[in-house]
Amino acid sequence: MQELDIEQRFHLMQKEIEATVSLLKEAKLDLTATVDSLKIEIEALKSYIERHHPDFAESYPKLKKEAIQAIDPEWLAAIEEPKH
């Protein structure tokens, strides 16, 4: 009887893992689609700015470097996560 119980538990755990993997794959696809959409939006904005400010392409690397130094992504994540 105990062996049958263990087999049933194992089968349930296997089903739970399969369901979790399926959810994770869906979440990854959603996140990838969102990131791709953001990349398109950013490129469209950069293109628009370049058309209206011809010197933008030249100054963009400096602006990007300043933004990277000013914004620490780990610091932003720490603010968003509640501390216990």
PDB file of N, CA and C in Angstrom:
ATOM      1  N   MET A   1       0.818  -1.195   0.000  1.00  0.00           N
ATOM      2  CA  MET A   1       0.000   0.000   0.000  1.00  0.00           C
ATOM      3  C   MET A   1       0.863   1.261   0.000  1.00  0.00           C
ATOM      4  N   GLN A   2       1.935   1.229   0.738  1.00  0.00           N
ATOM      5  CA  GLN A   2       2.804   2.394   0.829  1.00  0.00           C
ATOM      6  C   GLN A   2       3.469   2.686  -0.517  1.00  0.00           C
ATOM      7  N   GLU A   3       3.842   1.638  -1.249  1.00  0.00           N
ATOM      8  CA  GLU A   3       4.476   1.827  -2.555  1.00  0.00           C
ATOM      9  C   GLU A   3       3.506   2.482  -3.536  1.00  0.00           C
ATOM     10  N   LEU A   4       2.243   2.116  -3.487  1.00  0.00           N
ATOM     11  CA  LEU A   4       1.223   2.701  -4.355  1.00  0.00           C
ATOM     12  C   LEU A   4       1.041   4.184  -4.030  1.00  0.00           C
ATOM     13  N   ASP A   5       1.058   4.513  -2.741  1.00  0.00           N
ATOM     14  CA  ASP A   5       0.936   5.903  -2.304  1.00  0.00           C
ATOM     15  C   ASP A   5       2.115   6.731  -2.810  1.00  0.00           C
ATOM     16  N   ILE A   6       3.290   6.184  -2.727  1.00  0.00           N
ATOM     17  CA  ILE A   6       4.490   6.888  -3.206  1.00  0.00           C
ATOM     18  C   ILE A   6       4.408   7.104  -4.715  1.00  0.00           C
ATOM     19  N   GLU A   7       3.955   6.101  -5.446  1.00  0.00           N
ATOM     20  CA  GLU A   7       3.823   6.234  -6.896  1.00  0.00           C
ATOM     21  C   GLU A   7       2.800   7.310  -7.260  1.00  0.00           C
ATOM     22  N   GLN A   8       1.692   7.370  -6.522  1.00  0.00           N
ATOM     23  CA  GLN A   8       0.674   8.387  -6.781  1.00  0.00           C
ATOM     24  C   GLN A   8       1.219   9.778  -6.493  1.00  0.00           C
ATOM     25  N   ARG A   9       1.927   9.922  -5.402  1.00  0.00           N
ATOM     26  CA  ARG A   9       2.529  11.215  -5.058  1.00  0.00           C
ATOM     27  C   ARG A   9       3.547  11.633  -6.117  1.00  0.00           C
ATOM     28  N   PHE A  10       4.355  10.682  -6.540  1.00  0.00           N
ATOM     29  CA  PHE A  10       5.347  10.966  -7.576  1.00  0.00           C
ATOM     30  C   PHE A  10       4.656  11.424  -8.857  1.00  0.00           C
ATOM     31  N   HIS A  11       3.578  10.740  -9.232  1.00  0.00           N
ATOM     32  CA  HIS A  11       2.841  11.099 -10.442  1.00  0.00           C
ATOM     33  C   HIS A  11       2.265  12.518 -10.318  1.00  0.00           C
ATOM     34  N   LEU A  12       1.702  12.846  -9.157  1.00  0.00           N
ATOM     35  CA  LEU A  12       1.163  14.193  -8.932  1.00  0.00           C
ATOM     36  C   LEU A  12       2.267  15.254  -9.005  1.00  0.00           C
ATOM     37  N   MET A  13       3.410  14.961  -8.411  1.00  0.00           N
ATOM     38  CA  MET A  13       4.535  15.904  -8.466  1.00  0.00           C
ATOM     39  C   MET A  13       4.988  16.107  -9.907  1.00  0.00           C
ATOM     40  N   GLN A  14       5.030  15.030 -10.668  1.00  0.00           N
ATOM     41  CA  GLN A  14       5.431  15.117 -12.066  1.00  0.00           C
ATOM     42  C   GLN A  14       4.461  16.006 -12.846  1.00  0.00           C
ATOM     43  N   LYS A  15       3.159  15.852 -12.592  1.00  0.00           N
ATOM     44  CA  LYS A  15       2.147  16.680 -13.259  1.00  0.00           C
ATOM     45  C   LYS A  15       2.299  18.152 -12.862  1.00  0.00           C
ATOM     46  N   GLU A  16       2.569  18.403 -11.596  1.00  0.00           N
ATOM     47  CA  GLU A  16       2.769  19.776 -11.127  1.00  0.00           C
ATOM     48  C   GLU A  16       3.987  20.403 -11.793  1.00  0.00           C
ATOM     49  N   ILE A  17       5.048  19.648 -11.912  1.00  0.00           N
ATOM     50  CA  ILE A  17       6.261  20.159 -12.565  1.00  0.00           C
ATOM     51  C   ILE A  17       5.983  20.456 -14.033  1.00  0.00           C
ATOM     52  N   GLU A  18       5.282  19.566 -14.699  1.00  0.00           N
ATOM     53  CA  GLU A  18       4.944  19.791 -16.113  1.00  0.00           C
ATOM     54  C   GLU A  18       4.089  21.042 -16.279  1.00  0.00           C
ATOM     55  N   ALA A  19       3.129  21.244 -15.377  1.00  0.00           N
ATOM     56  CA  ALA A  19       2.278  22.438 -15.439  1.00  0.00           C
ATOM     57  C   ALA A  19       3.103  23.699 -15.190  1.00  0.00           C
ATOM     58  N   THR A  20       4.021  23.628 -14.245  1.00  0.00           N
ATOM     59  CA  THR A  20       4.884  24.780 -13.946  1.00  0.00           C
ATOM     60  C   THR A  20       5.773  25.116 -15.133  1.00  0.00           C
ATOM     61  N   VAL A  21       6.334  24.103 -15.760  1.00  0.00           N
ATOM     62  CA  VAL A  21       7.179  24.318 -16.941  1.00  0.00           C
ATOM     63  C   VAL A  21       6.370  24.982 -18.041  1.00  0.00           C
ATOM     64  N   SER A  22       5.145  24.536 -18.231  1.00  0.00           N
ATOM     65  CA  SER A  22       4.280  25.120 -19.252  1.00  0.00           C
ATOM     66  C   SER A  22       4.015  26.602 -18.964  1.00  0.00           C
ATOM     67  N   LEU A  23       3.712  26.917 -17.695  1.00  0.00           N
ATOM     68  CA  LEU A  23       3.484  28.317 -17.316  1.00  0.00           C
ATOM     69  C   LEU A  23       4.733  29.168 -17.507  1.00  0.00           C
ATOM     70  N   LEU A  24       5.885  28.617 -17.164  1.00  0.00           N
ATOM     71  CA  LEU A  24       7.137  29.353 -17.329  1.00  0.00           C
ATOM     72  C   LEU A  24       7.433  29.621 -18.802  1.00  0.00           C
ATOM     73  N   LYS A  25       7.147  28.645 -19.650  1.00  0.00           N
ATOM     74  CA  LYS A  25       7.361  28.846 -21.091  1.00  0.00           C
ATOM     75  C   LYS A  25       6.460  29.944 -21.618  1.00  0.00           C
ATOM     76  N   GLU A  26       5.190  29.953 -21.167  1.00  0.00           N
ATOM     77  CA  GLU A  26       4.258  31.009 -21.578  1.00  0.00           C
ATOM     78  C   GLU A  26       4.743  32.371 -21.089  1.00  0.00           C
ATOM     79  N   ALA A  27       5.195  32.428 -19.839  1.00  0.00           N
ATOM     80  CA  ALA A  27       5.677  33.695 -19.284  1.00  0.00           C
ATOM     81  C   ALA A  27       6.897  34.185 -20.051  1.00  0.00           C
ATOM     82  N   LYS A  28       7.782  33.272 -20.415  1.00  0.00           N
ATOM     83  CA  LYS A  28       8.978  33.654 -21.174  1.00  0.00           C
ATOM     84  C   LYS A  28       8.584  34.217 -22.536  1.00  0.00           C
ATOM     85  N   LEU A  29       7.622  33.575 -23.193  1.00  0.00           N
ATOM     86  CA  LEU A  29       7.158  34.084 -24.491  1.00  0.00           C
ATOM     87  C   LEU A  29       6.547  35.476 -24.350  1.00  0.00           C
ATOM     88  N   ASP A  30       5.738  35.665 -23.299  1.00  0.00           N
ATOM     89  CA  ASP A  30       5.130  36.974 -23.060  1.00  0.00           C
ATOM     90  C   ASP A  30       6.192  38.038 -22.807  1.00  0.00           C
ATOM     91  N   LEU A  31       7.174  37.704 -21.977  1.00  0.00           N
ATOM     92  CA  LEU A  31       8.236  38.661 -21.677  1.00  0.00           C
ATOM     93  C   LEU A  31       9.071  38.981 -22.912  1.00  0.00           C
ATOM     94  N   THR A  32       9.360  37.966 -23.710  1.00  0.00           N
ATOM     95  CA  THR A  32      10.126  38.181 -24.940  1.00  0.00           C
ATOM     96  C   THR A  32       9.363  39.098 -25.882  1.00  0.00           C
ATOM     97  N   ALA A  33       8.066  38.875 -26.011  1.00  0.00           N
ATOM     98  CA  ALA A  33       7.241  39.727 -26.875  1.00  0.00           C
ATOM     99  C   ALA A  33       7.222  41.161 -26.364  1.00  0.00           C
ATOM    100  N   THR A  34       7.131  41.316 -25.052  1.00  0.00           N
ATOM    101  CA  THR A  34       7.114  42.659 -24.465  1.00  0.00           C
ATOM    102  C   THR A  34       8.442  43.372 -24.685  1.00  0.00           C
ATOM    103  N   VAL A  35       9.539  42.662 -24.474  1.00  0.00           N
ATOM    104  CA  VAL A  35      10.868  43.255 -24.685  1.00  0.00           C
ATOM    105  C   VAL A  35      11.039  43.633 -26.155  1.00  0.00           C
ATOM    106  N   ASP A  36      10.617  42.763 -27.066  1.00  0.00           N
ATOM    107  CA  ASP A  36      10.716  43.070 -28.495  1.00  0.00           C
ATOM    108  C   ASP A  36       9.892  44.305 -28.840  1.00  0.00           C
ATOM    109  N   SER A  37       8.716  44.412 -28.264  1.00  0.00           N
ATOM    110  CA  SER A  37       7.862  45.578 -28.502  1.00  0.00           C
ATOM    111  C   SER A  37       8.533  46.857 -27.992  1.00  0.00           C
ATOM    112  N   LEU A  38       9.142  46.772 -26.817  1.00  0.00           N
ATOM    113  CA  LEU A  38       9.849  47.934 -26.270  1.00  0.00           C
ATOM    114  C   LEU A  38      11.040  48.327 -27.142  1.00  0.00           C
ATOM    115  N   LYS A  39      11.745  47.336 -27.670  1.00  0.00           N
ATOM    116  CA  LYS A  39      12.873  47.624 -28.558  1.00  0.00           C
ATOM    117  C   LYS A  39      12.395  48.386 -29.791  1.00  0.00           C
ATOM    118  N   ILE A  40      11.271  47.964 -30.353  1.00  0.00           N
ATOM    119  CA  ILE A  40      10.715  48.643 -31.526  1.00  0.00           C
ATOM    120  C   ILE A  40      10.334  50.079 -31.167  1.00  0.00           C
ATOM    121  N   GLU A  41       9.679  50.261 -30.030  1.00  0.00           N
ATOM    122  CA  GLU A  41       9.289  51.605 -29.593  1.00  0.00           C
ATOM    123  C   GLU A  41      10.510  52.510 -29.413  1.00  0.00           C
ATOM    124  N   ILE A  42      11.554  51.978 -28.786  1.00  0.00           N
ATOM    125  CA  ILE A  42      12.766  52.766 -28.559  1.00  0.00           C
ATOM    126  C   ILE A  42      13.407  53.161 -29.885  1.00  0.00           C
ATOM    127  N   GLU A  43      13.490  52.216 -30.811  1.00  0.00           N
ATOM    128  CA  GLU A  43      14.079  52.530 -32.119  1.00  0.00           C
ATOM    129  C   GLU A  43      13.249  53.574 -32.862  1.00  0.00           C
ATOM    130  N   ALA A  44      11.925  53.485 -32.747  1.00  0.00           N
ATOM    131  CA  ALA A  44      11.058  54.478 -33.388  1.00  0.00           C
ATOM    132  C   ALA A  44      11.287  55.858 -32.768  1.00  0.00           C
ATOM    133  N   LEU A  45      11.398  55.913 -31.455  1.00  0.00           N
ATOM    134  CA  LEU A  45      11.651  57.189 -30.781  1.00  0.00           C
ATOM    135  C   LEU A  45      13.013  57.764 -31.163  1.00  0.00           C
ATOM    136  N   LYS A  46      14.020  56.890 -31.206  1.00  0.00           N
ATOM    137  CA  LYS A  46      15.353  57.366 -31.607  1.00  0.00           C
ATOM    138  C   LYS A  46      15.332  57.903 -33.033  1.00  0.00           C
ATOM    139  N   SER A  47      14.623  57.215 -33.905  1.00  0.00           N
ATOM    140  CA  SER A  47      14.523  57.669 -35.289  1.00  0.00           C
ATOM    141  C   SER A  47      13.827  59.025 -35.374  1.00  0.00           C
ATOM    142  N   TYR A  48      12.755  59.176 -34.623  1.00  0.00           N
ATOM    143  CA  TYR A  48      12.027  60.449 -34.600  1.00  0.00           C
ATOM    144  C   TYR A  48      12.925  61.578 -34.094  1.00  0.00           C
ATOM    145  N   ILE A  49      13.620  61.327 -32.998  1.00  0.00           N
ATOM    146  CA  ILE A  49      14.494  62.355 -32.427  1.00  0.00           C
ATOM    147  C   ILE A  49      15.610  62.723 -33.404  1.00  0.00           C
ATOM    148  N   GLU A  50      16.185  61.714 -34.075  1.00  0.00           N
ATOM    149  CA  GLU A  50      17.257  61.986 -35.041  1.00  0.00           C
ATOM    150  C   GLU A  50      16.758  62.876 -36.184  1.00  0.00           C
ATOM    151  N   ARG A  51      15.528  62.681 -36.613  1.00  0.00           N
ATOM    152  CA  ARG A  51      14.972  63.502 -37.703  1.00  0.00           C
ATOM    153  C   ARG A  51      14.793  64.954 -37.281  1.00  0.00           C
ATOM    154  N   HIS A  52      14.436  65.150 -36.009  1.00  0.00           N
ATOM    155  CA  HIS A  52      14.172  66.509 -35.540  1.00  0.00           C
ATOM    156  C   HIS A  52      15.368  67.156 -34.857  1.00  0.00           C
ATOM    157  N   HIS A  53      16.336  66.338 -34.507  1.00  0.00           N
ATOM    158  CA  HIS A  53      17.567  66.839 -33.890  1.00  0.00           C
ATOM    159  C   HIS A  53      18.738  66.081 -34.516  1.00  0.00           C
ATOM    160  N   PRO A  54      19.249  66.583 -35.632  1.00  0.00           N
ATOM    161  CA  PRO A  54      20.301  65.863 -36.376  1.00  0.00           C
ATOM    162  C   PRO A  54      21.542  65.522 -35.548  1.00  0.00           C
ATOM    163  N   ASP A  55      21.821  66.258 -34.503  1.00  0.00           N
ATOM    164  CA  ASP A  55      23.004  65.987 -33.694  1.00  0.00           C
ATOM    165  C   ASP A  55      22.764  64.880 -32.656  1.00  0.00           C
ATOM    166  N   PHE A  56      21.557  64.356 -32.600  1.00  0.00           N
ATOM    167  CA  PHE A  56      21.220  63.329 -31.616  1.00  0.00           C
ATOM    168  C   PHE A  56      22.081  62.085 -31.754  1.00  0.00           C
ATOM    169  N   ALA A  57      22.279  61.613 -32.976  1.00  0.00           N
ATOM    170  CA  ALA A  57      23.067  60.390 -33.198  1.00  0.00           C
ATOM    171  C   ALA A  57      24.479  60.553 -32.651  1.00  0.00           C
ATOM    172  N   GLU A  58      24.988  61.757 -32.741  1.00  0.00           N
ATOM    173  CA  GLU A  58      26.340  62.031 -32.246  1.00  0.00           C
ATOM    174  C   GLU A  58      26.379  62.103 -30.717  1.00  0.00           C
ATOM    175  N   SER A  59      25.340  62.672 -30.113  1.00  0.00           N
ATOM    176  CA  SER A  59      25.346  62.847 -28.655  1.00  0.00           C
ATOM    177  C   SER A  59      24.735  61.663 -27.901  1.00  0.00           C
ATOM    178  N   TYR A  60      24.066  60.756 -28.600  1.00  0.00           N
ATOM    179  CA  TYR A  60      23.395  59.634 -27.939  1.00  0.00           C
ATOM    180  C   TYR A  60      24.335  58.756 -27.114  1.00  0.00           C
ATOM    181  N   PRO A  61      25.500  58.355 -27.636  1.00  0.00           N
ATOM    182  CA  PRO A  61      26.384  57.496 -26.809  1.00  0.00           C
ATOM    183  C   PRO A  61      26.738  58.140 -25.462  1.00  0.00           C
ATOM    184  N   LYS A  62      26.971  59.451 -25.463  1.00  0.00           N
ATOM    185  CA  LYS A  62      27.298  60.140 -24.220  1.00  0.00           C
ATOM    186  C   LYS A  62      26.085  60.148 -23.286  1.00  0.00           C
ATOM    187  N   LEU A  63      24.906  60.424 -23.832  1.00  0.00           N
ATOM    188  CA  LEU A  63      23.689  60.420 -23.024  1.00  0.00           C
ATOM    189  C   LEU A  63      23.427  59.035 -22.422  1.00  0.00           C
ATOM    190  N   LYS A  64      23.656  58.009 -23.213  1.00  0.00           N
ATOM    191  CA  LYS A  64      23.444  56.636 -22.747  1.00  0.00           C
ATOM    192  C   LYS A  64      24.411  56.314 -21.605  1.00  0.00           C
ATOM    193  N   LYS A  65      25.679  56.710 -21.762  1.00  0.00           N
ATOM    194  CA  LYS A  65      26.673  56.464 -20.731  1.00  0.00           C
ATOM    195  C   LYS A  65      26.293  57.180 -19.431  1.00  0.00           C
ATOM    196  N   GLU A  66      25.818  58.412 -19.542  1.00  0.00           N
ATOM    197  CA  GLU A  66      25.398  59.165 -18.361  1.00  0.00           C
ATOM    198  C   GLU A  66      24.207  58.488 -17.683  1.00  0.00           C
ATOM    199  N   ALA A  67      23.270  57.995 -18.485  1.00  0.00           N
ATOM    200  CA  ALA A  67      22.092  57.321 -17.921  1.00  0.00           C
ATOM    201  C   ALA A  67      22.488  56.052 -17.203  1.00  0.00           C
ATOM    202  N   ILE A  68      23.401  55.302 -17.774  1.00  0.00           N
ATOM    203  CA  ILE A  68      23.856  54.064 -17.144  1.00  0.00           C
ATOM    204  C   ILE A  68      24.516  54.366 -15.802  1.00  0.00           C
ATOM    205  N   GLN A  69      25.278  55.438 -15.733  1.00  0.00           N
ATOM    206  CA  GLN A  69      25.945  55.791 -14.482  1.00  0.00           C
ATOM    207  C   GLN A  69      24.953  56.336 -13.455  1.00  0.00           C
ATOM    208  N   ALA A  70      23.910  57.024 -13.935  1.00  0.00           N
ATOM    209  CA  ALA A  70      22.943  57.640 -13.030  1.00  0.00           C
ATOM    210  C   ALA A  70      21.916  56.641 -12.507  1.00  0.00           C
ATOM    211  N   ILE A  71      21.634  55.612 -13.285  1.00  0.00           N
ATOM    212  CA  ILE A  71      20.581  54.663 -12.911  1.00  0.00           C
ATOM    213  C   ILE A  71      21.195  53.292 -12.719  1.00  0.00           C
ATOM    214  N   ASP A  72      21.152  52.814 -11.494  1.00  0.00           N
ATOM    215  CA  ASP A  72      21.652  51.479 -11.166  1.00  0.00           C
ATOM    216  C   ASP A  72      20.445  50.542 -11.158  1.00  0.00           C
ATOM    217  N   PRO A  73      20.327  49.639 -12.148  1.00  0.00           N
ATOM    218  CA  PRO A  73      19.156  48.758 -12.206  1.00  0.00           C
ATOM    219  C   PRO A  73      18.954  47.935 -10.936  1.00  0.00           C
ATOM    220  N   GLU A  74      20.011  47.534 -10.271  1.00  0.00           N
ATOM    221  CA  GLU A  74      19.871  46.774  -9.032  1.00  0.00           C
ATOM    222  C   GLU A  74      19.275  47.638  -7.934  1.00  0.00           C
ATOM    223  N   TRP A  75      19.625  48.911  -7.946  1.00  0.00           N
ATOM    224  CA  TRP A  75      19.074  49.840  -6.961  1.00  0.00           C
ATOM    225  C   TRP A  75      17.584  50.010  -7.205  1.00  0.00           C
ATOM    226  N   LEU A  76      17.170  50.120  -8.470  1.00  0.00           N
ATOM    227  CA  LEU A  76      15.751  50.254  -8.786  1.00  0.00           C
ATOM    228  C   LEU A  76      14.983  49.008  -8.372  1.00  0.00           C
ATOM    229  N   ALA A  77      15.544  47.844  -8.597  1.00  0.00           N
ATOM    230  CA  ALA A  77      14.887  46.597  -8.219  1.00  0.00           C
ATOM    231  C   ALA A  77      14.731  46.520  -6.700  1.00  0.00           C
ATOM    232  N   ALA A  78      15.706  47.002  -5.977  1.00  0.00           N
ATOM    233  CA  ALA A  78      15.641  46.962  -4.519  1.00  0.00           C
ATOM    234  C   ALA A  78      14.519  47.856  -3.996  1.00  0.00           C
ATOM    235  N   ILE A  79      14.262  48.961  -4.655  1.00  0.00           N
ATOM    236  CA  ILE A  79      13.189  49.858  -4.240  1.00  0.00           C
ATOM    237  C   ILE A  79      11.832  49.208  -4.491  1.00  0.00           C
ATOM    238  N   GLU A  80      11.688  48.524  -5.607  1.00  0.00           N
ATOM    239  CA  GLU A  80      10.414  47.930  -5.996  1.00  0.00           C
ATOM    240  C   GLU A  80      10.058  46.716  -5.145  1.00  0.00           C
ATOM    241  N   GLU A  81      11.053  45.990  -4.640  1.00  0.00           N
ATOM    242  CA  GLU A  81      10.805  44.793  -3.840  1.00  0.00           C
ATOM    243  C   GLU A  81      10.580  45.188  -2.395  1.00  0.00           C
ATOM    244  N   PRO A  82       9.474  44.707  -1.803  1.00  0.00           N
ATOM    245  CA  PRO A  82       9.274  45.005  -0.373  1.00  0.00           C
ATOM    246  C   PRO A  82      10.287  44.249   0.478  1.00  0.00           C
ATOM    247  N   LYS A  83      10.807  44.928   1.477  1.00  0.00           N
ATOM    248  CA  LYS A  83      11.792  44.307   2.368  1.00  0.00           C
ATOM    249  C   LYS A  83      11.069  43.778   3.600  1.00  0.00           C
ATOM    250  N   HIS A  84      11.442  42.592   4.006  1.00  0.00           N
ATOM    251  CA  HIS A  84      10.799  41.943   5.157  1.00  0.00           C
ATOM    252  C   HIS A  84      11.695  42.024   6.358  1.00  0.00           C
TER     253      HIS A  84
END
